[in-house]
Amino acid sequence: MISVDGGQKGFLTEDLGFDFRDMNELIRAAEKDAALLKKLEKAAEGSMATHEITSCRLLAPIVRPLQDVVCLGINYDEHAKEADHYNAEAFGGERPYTIYFSKRVNRAVADGEPIQSHSDIVDRLDYECELGVVIGKTASKVNAAKALDYVFGYTIINDVSARNLQTRHRQWYLGKGLDGFTPIGPCIVSPDEIGDPEALDISCEVNGELRQSSNTRCMIQTIGGAIAEITAGMTLNAGSIIATGTPSGVGMGFDPPRFLKHGDVVRCHIEKIGDLTNPVD
């Protein structure tokens, strides 16, 4: 479903004369046809086949990413301090280079769907509100100055983390990649609607209590810098997703830590994108 009015009403692509099974197909088609999104927008403006967004059950904008999500670790200064305080062995030390890791996504969790707690193996469940970057065309050896030209749009990602697994294994793949650990949504917003992606307020609430509050200008590595660094030796295909890191205020940053429990509701918010809200099962 696409929307041209800020998310109040939407259109199914088949009602507009286009046949895409999912967002991955649409992104790949837009890579080949640079005017596709303008065609969709024009068709929507002349169509009466609208749907009220609130009356629809929306899935994550990209339900099954074609590649693992590429994540930036400890990409805000204040988060680096709280992570070091929580576990200096796992998170401390000098970081002269950006930390990258892979987040496995079996199925992305939609806005409103539950976060699986995996309470049989996880006893320190945490949240991380992050700006997600969706790549719009095949990116290889991209110059940082032109990197944003490769962006299809922006979304919100909750990089749910099992801190006990993350610190126990000394690497982050298992602790970040369990089923249900990647809420994405509520939508993908096009770059023209976002403007400067590094000037967006970002926040997270748990049960209505503000936990994280920052701005994407506080990121250590920029979006363009990350795309350039990743693609220097790794091809990002159209539809690839980058999670750009989280600010301070995660559960492990409190003293004592305040991890998620069954029944908690996590609301991630990013300016110009909206809210991604998920209960914990």
C-alpha atoms as a PDB file:
ATOM      1  CA  MET A   1       0.000   0.000   0.000  1.00  0.00           C
ATOM      2  CA  ILE A   2       1.201   3.520  -0.818  1.00  0.00           C
ATOM      3  CA  SER A   3       0.046   6.867   0.543  1.00  0.00           C
ATOM      4  CA  VAL A   4       0.483  10.360  -0.858  1.00  0.00           C
ATOM      5  CA  ASP A   5      -1.194  12.343   1.945  1.00  0.00           C
ATOM      6  CA  GLY A   6       1.026  11.612   4.922  1.00  0.00           C
ATOM      7  CA  GLY A   7      -0.540   8.298   5.833  1.00  0.00           C
ATOM      8  CA  GLN A   8      -4.241   9.078   6.237  1.00  0.00           C
ATOM      9  CA  LYS A   9      -5.410   7.257   3.127  1.00  0.00           C
ATOM     10  CA  GLY A  10      -3.674   4.640   1.006  1.00  0.00           C
ATOM     11  CA  PHE A  11      -3.885   2.857  -2.304  1.00  0.00           C
ATOM     12  CA  LEU A  12      -3.254  -0.738  -3.236  1.00  0.00           C
ATOM     13  CA  THR A  13      -0.832  -0.843  -6.140  1.00  0.00           C
ATOM     14  CA  GLU A  14      -3.049  -3.250  -8.082  1.00  0.00           C
ATOM     15  CA  ASP A  15      -5.870  -0.693  -7.931  1.00  0.00           C
ATOM     16  CA  LEU A  16      -3.508   1.754  -9.606  1.00  0.00           C
ATOM     17  CA  GLY A  17      -2.685  -0.602 -12.461  1.00  0.00           C
ATOM     18  CA  PHE A  18       0.577  -1.970 -11.070  1.00  0.00           C
ATOM     19  CA  ASP A  19       1.324  -5.516  -9.977  1.00  0.00           C
ATOM     20  CA  PHE A  20       3.813  -5.830  -7.110  1.00  0.00           C
ATOM     21  CA  ARG A  21       3.591  -8.700  -4.667  1.00  0.00           C
ATOM     22  CA  ASP A  22       5.539  -6.846  -2.005  1.00  0.00           C
ATOM     23  CA  MET A  23       7.774  -3.856  -1.363  1.00  0.00           C
ATOM     24  CA  ASN A  24      10.868  -5.741  -2.477  1.00  0.00           C
ATOM     25  CA  GLU A  25       9.392  -6.083  -5.966  1.00  0.00           C
ATOM     26  CA  LEU A  26       8.399  -2.414  -6.033  1.00  0.00           C
ATOM     27  CA  ILE A  27      11.894  -1.280  -4.997  1.00  0.00           C
ATOM     28  CA  ARG A  28      13.546  -3.466  -7.636  1.00  0.00           C
ATOM     29  CA  ALA A  29      11.150  -2.124 -10.265  1.00  0.00           C
ATOM     30  CA  ALA A  30      11.879   1.462  -9.191  1.00  0.00           C
ATOM     31  CA  GLU A  31      15.590   0.760  -9.586  1.00  0.00           C
ATOM     32  CA  LYS A  32      14.982   0.011 -13.278  1.00  0.00           C
ATOM     33  CA  ASP A  33      12.427   2.785 -13.789  1.00  0.00           C
ATOM     34  CA  ALA A  34      13.432   6.016 -12.046  1.00  0.00           C
ATOM     35  CA  ALA A  35      10.027   7.539 -12.814  1.00  0.00           C
ATOM     36  CA  LEU A  36       8.023   4.695 -11.254  1.00  0.00           C
ATOM     37  CA  LEU A  37       7.261   6.417  -7.954  1.00  0.00           C
ATOM     38  CA  LYS A  38       6.095   9.536  -9.789  1.00  0.00           C
ATOM     39  CA  LYS A  39       3.855   7.325 -11.929  1.00  0.00           C
ATOM     40  CA  LEU A  40       2.380   5.730  -8.810  1.00  0.00           C
ATOM     41  CA  GLU A  41       1.831   9.132  -7.225  1.00  0.00           C
ATOM     42  CA  LYS A  42       0.124  10.466 -10.359  1.00  0.00           C
ATOM     43  CA  ALA A  43      -2.097   7.382 -10.591  1.00  0.00           C
ATOM     44  CA  ALA A  44      -3.035   7.746  -6.916  1.00  0.00           C
ATOM     45  CA  GLU A  45      -3.954  11.400  -7.311  1.00  0.00           C
ATOM     46  CA  GLY A  46      -6.462  10.472 -10.007  1.00  0.00           C
ATOM     47  CA  SER A  47      -7.874   7.392  -8.290  1.00  0.00           C
ATOM     48  CA  MET A  48     -10.960   7.026  -6.115  1.00  0.00           C
ATOM     49  CA  ALA A  49      -9.915   3.569  -4.846  1.00  0.00           C
ATOM     50  CA  THR A  50      -8.729   4.797  -1.472  1.00  0.00           C
ATOM     51  CA  HIS A  51      -8.507   2.905   1.797  1.00  0.00           C
ATOM     52  CA  GLU A  52      -8.463   4.413   5.275  1.00  0.00           C
ATOM     53  CA  ILE A  53      -5.053   3.453   6.664  1.00  0.00           C
ATOM     54  CA  THR A  54      -6.458   2.987  10.168  1.00  0.00           C
ATOM     55  CA  SER A  55      -8.955   0.416   8.893  1.00  0.00           C
ATOM     56  CA  CYS A  56      -6.269  -1.759   7.304  1.00  0.00           C
ATOM     57  CA  ARG A  57      -4.014  -4.343   8.898  1.00  0.00           C
ATOM     58  CA  LEU A  58      -0.594  -3.226   7.822  1.00  0.00           C
ATOM     59  CA  LEU A  59       2.392  -5.538   7.737  1.00  0.00           C
ATOM     60  CA  ALA A  60       5.954  -4.335   8.149  1.00  0.00           C
ATOM     61  CA  PRO A  61       6.849  -2.326   5.028  1.00  0.00           C
ATOM     62  CA  ILE A  62       9.463  -4.963   4.140  1.00  0.00           C
ATOM     63  CA  VAL A  63       8.302  -8.201   5.727  1.00  0.00           C
ATOM     64  CA  ARG A  64      11.196 -10.375   4.620  1.00  0.00           C
ATOM     65  CA  PRO A  65      14.380  -8.444   3.837  1.00  0.00           C
ATOM     66  CA  LEU A  66      16.346 -10.021   1.002  1.00  0.00           C
ATOM     67  CA  GLN A  67      19.572  -9.684   2.999  1.00  0.00           C
ATOM     68  CA  ASP A  68      20.319  -9.468   6.707  1.00  0.00           C
ATOM     69  CA  VAL A  69      19.942  -5.948   8.086  1.00  0.00           C
ATOM     70  CA  VAL A  70      23.331  -4.233   8.322  1.00  0.00           C
ATOM     71  CA  CYS A  71      23.545  -2.513  11.703  1.00  0.00           C
ATOM     72  CA  LEU A  72      25.810   0.151  13.135  1.00  0.00           C
ATOM     73  CA  GLY A  73      26.785  -0.556  16.720  1.00  0.00           C
ATOM     74  CA  ILE A  74      27.313   2.083  19.404  1.00  0.00           C
ATOM     75  CA  ASN A  75      26.826   4.970  16.968  1.00  0.00           C
ATOM     76  CA  TYR A  76      25.816   7.650  19.519  1.00  0.00           C
ATOM     77  CA  ASP A  77      28.322   8.961  22.084  1.00  0.00           C
ATOM     78  CA  GLU A  78      25.989   8.820  25.078  1.00  0.00           C
ATOM     79  CA  HIS A  79      24.948   5.256  24.236  1.00  0.00           C
ATOM     80  CA  ALA A  80      28.620   4.318  24.106  1.00  0.00           C
ATOM     81  CA  LYS A  81      29.022   5.591  27.677  1.00  0.00           C
ATOM     82  CA  GLU A  82      26.032   3.681  29.038  1.00  0.00           C
ATOM     83  CA  ALA A  83      27.053   0.492  27.231  1.00  0.00           C
ATOM     84  CA  ASP A  84      30.560   0.728  28.655  1.00  0.00           C
ATOM     85  CA  HIS A  85      29.138   1.253  32.152  1.00  0.00           C
ATOM     86  CA  TYR A  86      26.870  -1.785  31.791  1.00  0.00           C
ATOM     87  CA  ASN A  87      29.600  -4.181  30.602  1.00  0.00           C
ATOM     88  CA  ALA A  88      33.031  -2.758  29.876  1.00  0.00           C
ATOM     89  CA  GLU A  89      34.368  -6.110  28.704  1.00  0.00           C
ATOM     90  CA  ALA A  90      31.654  -6.497  26.071  1.00  0.00           C
ATOM     91  CA  PHE A  91      31.167  -2.860  25.038  1.00  0.00           C
ATOM     92  CA  GLY A  92      34.140  -0.840  26.287  1.00  0.00           C
ATOM     93  CA  GLY A  93      37.481   0.116  24.790  1.00  0.00           C
ATOM     94  CA  GLU A  94      38.564   2.417  22.010  1.00  0.00           C
ATOM     95  CA  ARG A  95      36.475   2.422  18.832  1.00  0.00           C
ATOM     96  CA  PRO A  96      38.496   4.125  16.098  1.00  0.00           C
ATOM     97  CA  TYR A  97      36.326   2.487  13.431  1.00  0.00           C
ATOM     98  CA  THR A  98      32.581   2.054  13.055  1.00  0.00           C
ATOM     99  CA  ILE A  99      31.168  -1.189  14.439  1.00  0.00           C
ATOM    100  CA  TYR A 100      29.057  -3.139  11.927  1.00  0.00           C
ATOM    101  CA  PHE A 101      27.109  -6.311  12.553  1.00  0.00           C
ATOM    102  CA  SER A 102      24.413  -8.345  10.859  1.00  0.00           C
ATOM    103  CA  LYS A 103      20.877  -8.763  12.178  1.00  0.00           C
ATOM    104  CA  ARG A 104      19.029 -11.814  10.934  1.00  0.00           C
ATOM    105  CA  VAL A 105      15.354 -11.193  10.129  1.00  0.00           C
ATOM    106  CA  ASN A 106      13.162 -14.243   9.614  1.00  0.00           C
ATOM    107  CA  ARG A 107      10.073 -12.013   9.472  1.00  0.00           C
ATOM    108  CA  ALA A 108       9.914  -8.333  10.329  1.00  0.00           C
ATOM    109  CA  VAL A 109       7.405  -7.429  13.036  1.00  0.00           C
ATOM    110  CA  ALA A 110       4.780  -4.839  12.060  1.00  0.00           C
ATOM    111  CA  ASP A 111       3.532  -1.866  14.016  1.00  0.00           C
ATOM    112  CA  GLY A 112       1.165  -3.251  16.654  1.00  0.00           C
ATOM    113  CA  GLU A 113       2.458  -6.818  16.506  1.00  0.00           C
ATOM    114  CA  PRO A 114       4.132  -8.340  19.579  1.00  0.00           C
ATOM    115  CA  ILE A 115       7.814  -8.631  20.303  1.00  0.00           C
ATOM    116  CA  GLN A 116       8.649 -12.234  21.152  1.00  0.00           C
ATOM    117  CA  SER A 117      10.308 -12.287  24.561  1.00  0.00           C
ATOM    118  CA  HIS A 118      11.827 -15.779  24.276  1.00  0.00           C
ATOM    119  CA  SER A 119      11.671 -15.921  28.062  1.00  0.00           C
ATOM    120  CA  ASP A 120      12.978 -19.499  28.068  1.00  0.00           C
ATOM    121  CA  ILE A 121      16.404 -18.278  26.893  1.00  0.00           C
ATOM    122  CA  VAL A 122      16.299 -14.486  27.387  1.00  0.00           C
ATOM    123  CA  ASP A 123      16.290 -12.789  30.787  1.00  0.00           C
ATOM    124  CA  ARG A 124      17.546  -9.332  29.749  1.00  0.00           C
ATOM    125  CA  LEU A 125      15.337  -8.117  26.909  1.00  0.00           C
ATOM    126  CA  ASP A 126      16.104  -4.606  25.665  1.00  0.00           C
ATOM    127  CA  TYR A 127      14.853  -2.036  23.137  1.00  0.00           C
ATOM    128  CA  GLU A 128      16.759   0.227  20.731  1.00  0.00           C
ATOM    129  CA  CYS A 129      14.997   2.840  18.600  1.00  0.00           C
ATOM    130  CA  GLU A 130      16.884   3.408  15.341  1.00  0.00           C
ATOM    131  CA  LEU A 131      16.542   5.187  12.013  1.00  0.00           C
ATOM    132  CA  GLY A 132      16.369   2.617   9.225  1.00  0.00           C
ATOM    133  CA  VAL A 133      17.740   3.378   5.765  1.00  0.00           C
ATOM    134  CA  VAL A 134      16.306   1.455   2.796  1.00  0.00           C
ATOM    135  CA  ILE A 135      18.597   1.249  -0.214  1.00  0.00           C
ATOM    136  CA  GLY A 136      16.885   1.938  -3.549  1.00  0.00           C
ATOM    137  CA  LYS A 137      19.426   0.783  -6.106  1.00  0.00           C
ATOM    138  CA  THR A 138      22.417  -1.512  -6.240  1.00  0.00           C
ATOM    139  CA  ALA A 139      25.226   0.176  -4.345  1.00  0.00           C
ATOM    140  CA  SER A 140      28.886  -0.728  -4.789  1.00  0.00           C
ATOM    141  CA  LYS A 141      31.907   1.507  -4.114  1.00  0.00           C
ATOM    142  CA  VAL A 142      29.667   4.503  -3.507  1.00  0.00           C
ATOM    143  CA  ASN A 143      31.166   7.927  -2.861  1.00  0.00           C
ATOM    144  CA  ALA A 144      30.000   9.324   0.506  1.00  0.00           C
ATOM    145  CA  ALA A 145      29.037  12.636  -1.100  1.00  0.00           C
ATOM    146  CA  LYS A 146      26.593  10.849  -3.409  1.00  0.00           C
ATOM    147  CA  ALA A 147      25.473   8.099  -1.044  1.00  0.00           C
ATOM    148  CA  LEU A 148      22.059   9.558  -0.235  1.00  0.00           C
ATOM    149  CA  ASP A 149      21.193   9.287  -3.937  1.00  0.00           C
ATOM    150  CA  TYR A 150      21.028   5.518  -3.344  1.00  0.00           C
ATOM    151  CA  VAL A 151      18.394   5.779  -0.613  1.00  0.00           C
ATOM    152  CA  PHE A 152      14.846   4.676  -1.393  1.00  0.00           C
ATOM    153  CA  GLY A 153      13.450   5.869   1.911  1.00  0.00           C
ATOM    154  CA  TYR A 154      13.570   5.859   5.689  1.00  0.00           C
ATOM    155  CA  THR A 155      11.775   3.880   8.365  1.00  0.00           C
ATOM    156  CA  ILE A 156      11.937   3.040  12.076  1.00  0.00           C
ATOM    157  CA  ILE A 157      13.620  -0.082  13.413  1.00  0.00           C
ATOM    158  CA  ASN A 158      13.498  -1.379  16.975  1.00  0.00           C
ATOM    159  CA  ASP A 159      16.748  -3.314  17.299  1.00  0.00           C
ATOM    160  CA  VAL A 160      15.439  -5.612  20.041  1.00  0.00           C
ATOM    161  CA  SER A 161      18.340  -7.191  21.902  1.00  0.00           C
ATOM    162  CA  ALA A 162      18.878 -10.069  24.312  1.00  0.00           C
ATOM    163  CA  ARG A 163      21.658  -8.634  26.439  1.00  0.00           C
ATOM    164  CA  ASN A 164      22.435 -11.940  28.171  1.00  0.00           C
ATOM    165  CA  LEU A 165      23.063 -13.634  24.812  1.00  0.00           C
ATOM    166  CA  GLN A 166      24.811 -10.623  23.323  1.00  0.00           C
ATOM    167  CA  THR A 167      27.357 -10.359  26.148  1.00  0.00           C
ATOM    168  CA  ARG A 168      27.725 -14.113  26.701  1.00  0.00           C
ATOM    169  CA  HIS A 169      28.695 -14.880  23.119  1.00  0.00           C
ATOM    170  CA  ARG A 170      31.035 -11.860  22.775  1.00  0.00           C
ATOM    171  CA  GLN A 171      29.435 -11.071  19.413  1.00  0.00           C
ATOM    172  CA  TRP A 172      25.983  -9.812  18.596  1.00  0.00           C
ATOM    173  CA  TYR A 173      24.456 -12.061  15.929  1.00  0.00           C
ATOM    174  CA  LEU A 174      22.512 -14.388  18.230  1.00  0.00           C
ATOM    175  CA  GLY A 175      21.509 -11.763  20.763  1.00  0.00           C
ATOM    176  CA  LYS A 176      20.132  -9.503  18.021  1.00  0.00           C
ATOM    177  CA  GLY A 177      18.706 -12.000  15.541  1.00  0.00           C
ATOM    178  CA  LEU A 178      16.087 -14.078  17.345  1.00  0.00           C
ATOM    179  CA  ASP A 179      12.650 -14.438  15.750  1.00  0.00           C
ATOM    180  CA  GLY A 180      10.496 -11.380  16.371  1.00  0.00           C
ATOM    181  CA  PHE A 181      13.443  -9.148  17.267  1.00  0.00           C
ATOM    182  CA  THR A 182      13.058  -6.727  14.335  1.00  0.00           C
ATOM    183  CA  PRO A 183       9.988  -4.495  14.407  1.00  0.00           C
ATOM    184  CA  ILE A 184      10.034  -2.253  11.318  1.00  0.00           C
ATOM    185  CA  GLY A 185       7.569   0.453  10.365  1.00  0.00           C
ATOM    186  CA  PRO A 186       5.075   1.859  10.386  1.00  0.00           C
ATOM    187  CA  CYS A 187       5.995   2.822   6.809  1.00  0.00           C
ATOM    188  CA  ILE A 188       8.823   3.874   4.523  1.00  0.00           C
ATOM    189  CA  VAL A 189       8.971   7.636   3.956  1.00  0.00           C
ATOM    190  CA  SER A 190      10.573   8.928   0.762  1.00  0.00           C
ATOM    191  CA  PRO A 191      13.670  11.153   0.977  1.00  0.00           C
ATOM    192  CA  ASP A 192      11.837  14.210  -0.377  1.00  0.00           C
ATOM    193  CA  GLU A 193       9.458  14.041   2.593  1.00  0.00           C
ATOM    194  CA  ILE A 194      12.264  13.556   5.121  1.00  0.00           C
ATOM    195  CA  GLY A 195      14.600  16.332   4.030  1.00  0.00           C
ATOM    196  CA  ASP A 196      17.757  16.055   6.116  1.00  0.00           C
ATOM    197  CA  PRO A 197      17.824  12.543   7.660  1.00  0.00           C
ATOM    198  CA  GLU A 198      20.481  13.696  10.118  1.00  0.00           C
ATOM    199  CA  ALA A 199      18.256  16.297  11.758  1.00  0.00           C
ATOM    200  CA  LEU A 200      15.383  14.145  13.045  1.00  0.00           C
ATOM    201  CA  ASP A 201      14.191  13.879  16.631  1.00  0.00           C
ATOM    202  CA  ILE A 202      14.301  10.265  17.794  1.00  0.00           C
ATOM    203  CA  SER A 203      12.735   8.892  20.983  1.00  0.00           C
ATOM    204  CA  CYS A 204      11.421   5.793  22.691  1.00  0.00           C
ATOM    205  CA  GLU A 205       8.825   5.286  25.419  1.00  0.00           C
ATOM    206  CA  VAL A 206       8.129   2.200  27.512  1.00  0.00           C
ATOM    207  CA  ASN A 207       4.623   2.131  28.984  1.00  0.00           C
ATOM    208  CA  GLY A 208       4.346   5.855  28.291  1.00  0.00           C
ATOM    209  CA  GLU A 209       7.587   6.718  30.096  1.00  0.00           C
ATOM    210  CA  LEU A 210      10.178   8.535  27.986  1.00  0.00           C
ATOM    211  CA  ARG A 211      13.389   6.507  27.954  1.00  0.00           C
ATOM    212  CA  GLN A 212      15.291   7.673  24.866  1.00  0.00           C
ATOM    213  CA  SER A 213      15.337  11.220  23.509  1.00  0.00           C
ATOM    214  CA  SER A 214      17.902  12.499  21.019  1.00  0.00           C
ATOM    215  CA  ASN A 215      18.381  13.630  17.447  1.00  0.00           C
ATOM    216  CA  THR A 216      19.966  11.840  14.497  1.00  0.00           C
ATOM    217  CA  ARG A 217      22.509  14.665  14.244  1.00  0.00           C
ATOM    218  CA  CYS A 218      24.169  12.998  17.249  1.00  0.00           C
ATOM    219  CA  MET A 219      25.170   9.932  15.229  1.00  0.00           C
ATOM    220  CA  ILE A 220      28.917   9.343  15.181  1.00  0.00           C
ATOM    221  CA  GLN A 221      29.065   7.803  11.709  1.00  0.00           C
ATOM    222  CA  THR A 222      26.913   9.576   9.119  1.00  0.00           C
ATOM    223  CA  ILE A 223      24.502   7.802   6.798  1.00  0.00           C
ATOM    224  CA  GLY A 224      26.592   8.700   3.753  1.00  0.00           C
ATOM    225  CA  GLY A 225      29.761   7.643   5.519  1.00  0.00           C
ATOM    226  CA  ALA A 226      28.263   4.294   6.469  1.00  0.00           C
ATOM    227  CA  ILE A 227      27.016   3.579   2.955  1.00  0.00           C
ATOM    228  CA  ALA A 228      30.424   4.463   1.511  1.00  0.00           C
ATOM    229  CA  GLU A 229      32.287   2.355   4.058  1.00  0.00           C
ATOM    230  CA  ILE A 230      30.019  -0.683   3.664  1.00  0.00           C
ATOM    231  CA  THR A 231      29.939  -0.604  -0.121  1.00  0.00           C
ATOM    232  CA  ALA A 232      33.704  -0.219  -0.419  1.00  0.00           C
ATOM    233  CA  GLY A 233      33.783  -4.005  -0.414  1.00  0.00           C
ATOM    234  CA  MET A 234      30.192  -5.200  -0.017  1.00  0.00           C
ATOM    235  CA  THR A 235      27.391  -4.783  -2.537  1.00  0.00           C
ATOM    236  CA  LEU A 236      24.091  -3.586  -1.119  1.00  0.00           C
ATOM    237  CA  ASN A 237      21.249  -4.643  -3.376  1.00  0.00           C
ATOM    238  CA  ALA A 238      18.079  -2.626  -3.839  1.00  0.00           C
ATOM    239  CA  GLY A 239      15.891  -3.257  -0.812  1.00  0.00           C
ATOM    240  CA  SER A 240      18.810  -3.683   1.600  1.00  0.00           C
ATOM    241  CA  ILE A 241      18.287  -2.117   5.019  1.00  0.00           C
ATOM    242  CA  ILE A 242      20.770  -0.324   7.259  1.00  0.00           C
ATOM    243  CA  ALA A 243      20.017   0.322  10.947  1.00  0.00           C
ATOM    244  CA  THR A 244      21.972   3.396  12.011  1.00  0.00           C
ATOM    245  CA  GLY A 245      22.346   2.848  15.758  1.00  0.00           C
ATOM    246  CA  THR A 246      20.487   3.938  18.874  1.00  0.00           C
ATOM    247  CA  PRO A 247      20.858   6.844  21.310  1.00  0.00           C
ATOM    248  CA  SER A 248      21.218   6.503  25.076  1.00  0.00           C
ATOM    249  CA  GLY A 249      18.349   5.477  27.323  1.00  0.00           C
ATOM    250  CA  VAL A 250      18.148   1.754  26.592  1.00  0.00           C
ATOM    251  CA  GLY A 251      17.257  -0.586  29.432  1.00  0.00           C
ATOM    252  CA  MET A 252      20.805  -1.643  30.194  1.00  0.00           C
ATOM    253  CA  GLY A 253      21.768   2.012  30.667  1.00  0.00           C
ATOM    254  CA  PHE A 254      19.796   2.441  33.892  1.00  0.00           C
ATOM    255  CA  ASP A 255      21.093   1.659  37.375  1.00  0.00           C
ATOM    256  CA  PRO A 256      19.725  -0.835  38.062  1.00  0.00           C
ATOM    257  CA  PRO A 257      18.947  -1.905  34.465  1.00  0.00           C
ATOM    258  CA  ARG A 258      15.315  -1.722  33.362  1.00  0.00           C
ATOM    259  CA  PHE A 259      14.746  -4.547  30.932  1.00  0.00           C
ATOM    260  CA  LEU A 260      11.492  -5.335  29.146  1.00  0.00           C
ATOM    261  CA  LYS A 261       8.968  -7.746  30.586  1.00  0.00           C
ATOM    262  CA  HIS A 262       5.750  -9.386  29.444  1.00  0.00           C
ATOM    263  CA  GLY A 263       3.004  -6.815  28.888  1.00  0.00           C
ATOM    264  CA  ASP A 264       5.279  -3.817  28.375  1.00  0.00           C
ATOM    265  CA  VAL A 265       4.526  -1.568  25.405  1.00  0.00           C
ATOM    266  CA  VAL A 266       7.414  -0.003  23.491  1.00  0.00           C
ATOM    267  CA  ARG A 267       6.781   3.049  21.304  1.00  0.00           C
ATOM    268  CA  CYS A 268       9.598   4.191  19.022  1.00  0.00           C
ATOM    269  CA  HIS A 269       9.166   7.601  17.402  1.00  0.00           C
ATOM    270  CA  ILE A 270      11.126   9.387  14.706  1.00  0.00           C
ATOM    271  CA  GLU A 271      10.180  12.814  13.429  1.00  0.00           C
ATOM    272  CA  LYS A 272       8.506  12.820   9.978  1.00  0.00           C
ATOM    273  CA  ILE A 273       8.115   9.024  10.039  1.00  0.00           C
ATOM    274  CA  GLY A 274       5.761   8.385  12.944  1.00  0.00           C
ATOM    275  CA  ASP A 275       5.400   5.754  15.652  1.00  0.00           C
ATOM    276  CA  LEU A 276       6.323   2.091  15.793  1.00  0.00           C
ATOM    277  CA  THR A 277       4.498   0.573  18.762  1.00  0.00           C
ATOM    278  CA  ASN A 278       4.846  -3.027  19.924  1.00  0.00           C
ATOM    279  CA  PRO A 279       3.773  -4.933  23.050  1.00  0.00           C
ATOM    280  CA  VAL A 280       6.026  -7.553  24.588  1.00  0.00           C
ATOM    281  CA  ASP A 281       4.523 -11.019  24.592  1.00  0.00           C
END
